[in-house]
Amino acid sequence: MTVALLASKLISVFEGCRLTAYWDPTGKRWTIGLGHTGPLPWSGPLKAGDTITQEQAAALLEADAAPLIKLVEDRPLIAAAALVSFGINCGEGALRRVLSGSIAIDHEEFMSGADAYGESSGGARLPGLVARRQLEAALIEAERTQP
């Protein structure tokens, strides 16, 4: 098992795969595939009506995850995959803050600082994002506590 494969499985569970672009009211941007929000390499900025294949969705995730995987390559497998999942959802900048210690990933922090983790939108806490952050934290914490 590789970080890329485990991360893609985690991301698939939380993001799902939508082959037609949709407006994500939480992220306030067009999204497609497994959480891809950037331009499509073959057609430019993502927009309403864009469609992709399952293979293209996998390729977009691989490309989106590659720089995040490099950031966590020194971490144990499970923690690295959870961190990549976090980075795909919250962005490379947020992942860099987690890795630098500016944002702590543990259960106490989740309970006190949901907005820092992208668990809310417009002040409303989103149960799916709360669950995602808690699972990511548990996986990272489990790796830290292993002998």
Protein backbone atom coordinates (compact mmCIF):
# COMPACT_ATOMS: atom_id res chain seq x y z
CA MET A 1 0.00 0.00 0.00
CA THR A 2 1.30 3.45 -0.87
CA VAL A 3 0.48 6.88 0.53
CA ALA A 4 -1.08 7.81 -2.82
CA LEU A 5 -3.35 4.76 -2.86
CA LEU A 6 -4.46 5.04 0.77
CA ALA A 7 -4.99 8.80 0.43
CA SER A 8 -7.07 8.28 -2.72
CA LYS A 9 -9.26 5.77 -0.87
CA LEU A 10 -9.82 8.21 2.02
CA ILE A 11 -10.52 11.07 -0.37
CA SER A 12 -12.94 8.93 -2.39
CA VAL A 13 -14.96 8.18 0.73
CA PHE A 14 -15.27 11.84 1.69
CA GLU A 15 -15.40 13.56 -1.68
CA GLY A 16 -17.21 11.00 -3.78
CA CYS A 17 -16.63 11.23 -7.52
CA ARG A 18 -18.76 13.54 -9.62
CA LEU A 19 -17.97 13.51 -13.31
CA THR A 20 -19.92 16.70 -14.05
CA ALA A 21 -18.76 20.01 -12.59
CA TYR A 22 -20.85 21.27 -9.67
CA TRP A 23 -20.87 24.47 -7.66
CA ASP A 24 -19.61 23.76 -4.16
CA PRO A 25 -21.37 26.28 -1.92
CA THR A 26 -19.00 25.45 0.94
CA GLY A 27 -15.81 26.05 -1.02
CA LYS A 28 -17.56 28.60 -3.22
CA ARG A 29 -16.02 27.22 -6.39
CA TRP A 30 -16.60 24.81 -9.24
CA THR A 31 -15.56 21.28 -8.38
CA ILE A 32 -15.29 18.05 -10.36
CA GLY A 33 -14.07 14.49 -9.95
CA LEU A 34 -12.65 13.73 -6.52
CA GLY A 35 -12.55 17.30 -5.25
CA HIS A 36 -10.60 18.95 -8.08
CA THR A 37 -11.12 22.73 -8.11
CA GLY A 38 -8.40 23.99 -10.42
CA PRO A 39 -8.45 24.39 -14.16
CA LEU A 40 -8.73 21.34 -16.36
CA PRO A 41 -5.34 20.83 -18.04
CA TRP A 42 -6.97 20.21 -21.42
CA SER A 43 -9.63 22.97 -21.42
CA GLY A 44 -8.80 25.72 -18.93
CA PRO A 45 -10.87 27.07 -16.03
CA LEU A 46 -13.47 24.72 -14.60
CA LYS A 47 -17.04 25.81 -15.37
CA ALA A 48 -20.64 24.66 -15.40
CA GLY A 49 -21.27 21.83 -17.83
CA ASP A 50 -17.70 20.48 -17.81
CA THR A 51 -17.55 16.68 -17.73
CA ILE A 52 -14.73 14.21 -17.28
CA THR A 53 -14.25 10.45 -17.33
CA GLN A 54 -13.48 8.26 -14.34
CA GLU A 55 -9.91 7.94 -15.65
CA GLN A 56 -9.56 11.73 -15.89
CA ALA A 57 -10.89 12.07 -12.33
CA ALA A 58 -8.21 9.65 -11.12
CA ALA A 59 -5.51 11.52 -13.06
CA LEU A 60 -6.63 14.88 -11.65
CA LEU A 61 -6.52 13.48 -8.11
CA GLU A 62 -3.07 12.05 -8.73
CA ALA A 63 -1.83 15.42 -9.98
CA ASP A 64 -3.51 17.33 -7.13
CA ALA A 65 -2.12 14.96 -4.49
CA ALA A 66 1.46 14.76 -5.83
CA PRO A 67 2.78 17.98 -4.22
CA LEU A 68 1.01 17.12 -0.95
CA ILE A 69 2.54 13.64 -0.90
CA LYS A 70 5.98 15.21 -1.24
CA LEU A 71 5.28 17.32 1.85
CA VAL A 72 4.48 14.25 3.97
CA GLU A 73 6.85 11.65 2.51
CA ASP A 74 8.74 11.41 5.81
CA ARG A 75 5.58 10.50 7.76
CA PRO A 76 4.24 7.01 8.49
CA LEU A 77 1.83 5.68 5.86
CA ILE A 78 -1.48 6.18 7.64
CA ALA A 79 -0.66 9.64 8.97
CA ALA A 80 0.68 10.72 5.58
CA ALA A 81 -2.49 9.58 3.83
CA ALA A 82 -4.68 11.42 6.37
CA LEU A 83 -2.59 14.56 5.91
CA VAL A 84 -2.94 14.34 2.13
CA SER A 85 -6.72 13.99 2.55
CA PHE A 86 -6.69 17.10 4.73
CA GLY A 87 -4.56 18.95 2.15
CA ILE A 88 -6.84 18.03 -0.74
CA ASN A 89 -9.81 19.37 1.19
CA CYS A 90 -8.30 22.45 2.85
CA GLY A 91 -5.46 23.30 0.49
CA GLU A 92 -1.68 23.08 0.44
CA GLY A 93 -1.36 26.22 2.57
CA ALA A 94 -3.44 24.69 5.37
CA LEU A 95 -1.41 21.48 5.15
CA ARG A 96 1.82 23.47 5.40
CA ARG A 97 0.44 25.21 8.53
CA VAL A 98 -0.40 21.82 10.06
CA LEU A 99 3.06 20.49 9.27
CA SER A 100 4.73 23.60 10.73
CA GLY A 101 2.67 23.32 13.92
CA SER A 102 0.71 26.54 13.27
CA ILE A 103 -2.45 24.42 13.27
CA ALA A 104 -2.49 21.44 15.59
CA ILE A 105 -4.36 18.33 14.54
CA ASP A 106 -5.76 16.67 17.62
CA HIS A 107 -9.20 16.12 19.09
CA GLU A 108 -9.02 19.01 21.57
CA GLU A 109 -8.21 21.49 18.81
CA PHE A 110 -11.06 20.17 16.70
CA MET A 111 -13.52 20.82 19.47
CA SER A 112 -12.32 24.40 20.00
CA GLY A 113 -11.35 25.64 16.54
CA ALA A 114 -13.59 24.17 13.86
CA ASP A 115 -13.18 27.07 11.44
CA ALA A 116 -9.42 26.54 11.27
CA TYR A 117 -10.09 23.09 9.86
CA GLY A 118 -12.72 23.93 7.29
CA GLU A 119 -15.56 22.36 9.28
CA SER A 120 -17.97 25.20 8.76
CA SER A 121 -19.41 27.32 6.01
CA GLY A 122 -21.00 30.69 6.62
CA GLY A 123 -20.90 29.98 10.36
CA ALA A 124 -22.82 26.70 10.04
CA ARG A 125 -20.92 23.64 11.22
CA LEU A 126 -21.06 20.83 8.66
CA PRO A 127 -21.31 17.33 10.20
CA GLY A 128 -19.58 15.65 7.24
CA LEU A 129 -16.54 17.91 7.55
CA VAL A 130 -16.47 17.49 11.33
CA ALA A 131 -16.41 13.70 10.85
CA ARG A 132 -13.69 14.00 8.20
CA ARG A 133 -11.46 16.14 10.43
CA GLN A 134 -12.01 13.79 13.37
CA LEU A 135 -11.07 10.72 11.33
CA GLU A 136 -7.98 12.45 9.91
CA ALA A 137 -6.97 13.48 13.44
CA ALA A 138 -7.52 9.96 14.77
CA LEU A 139 -5.38 8.43 12.00
CA ILE A 140 -2.57 10.91 12.58
CA GLU A 141 -2.79 10.46 16.34
CA ALA A 142 -2.76 6.67 16.00
CA GLU A 143 0.52 6.84 14.08
CA ARG A 144 2.03 9.11 16.75
CA THR A 145 1.18 6.70 19.54
CA GLN A 146 2.52 3.54 17.89
CA PRO A 147 5.73 2.18 19.39
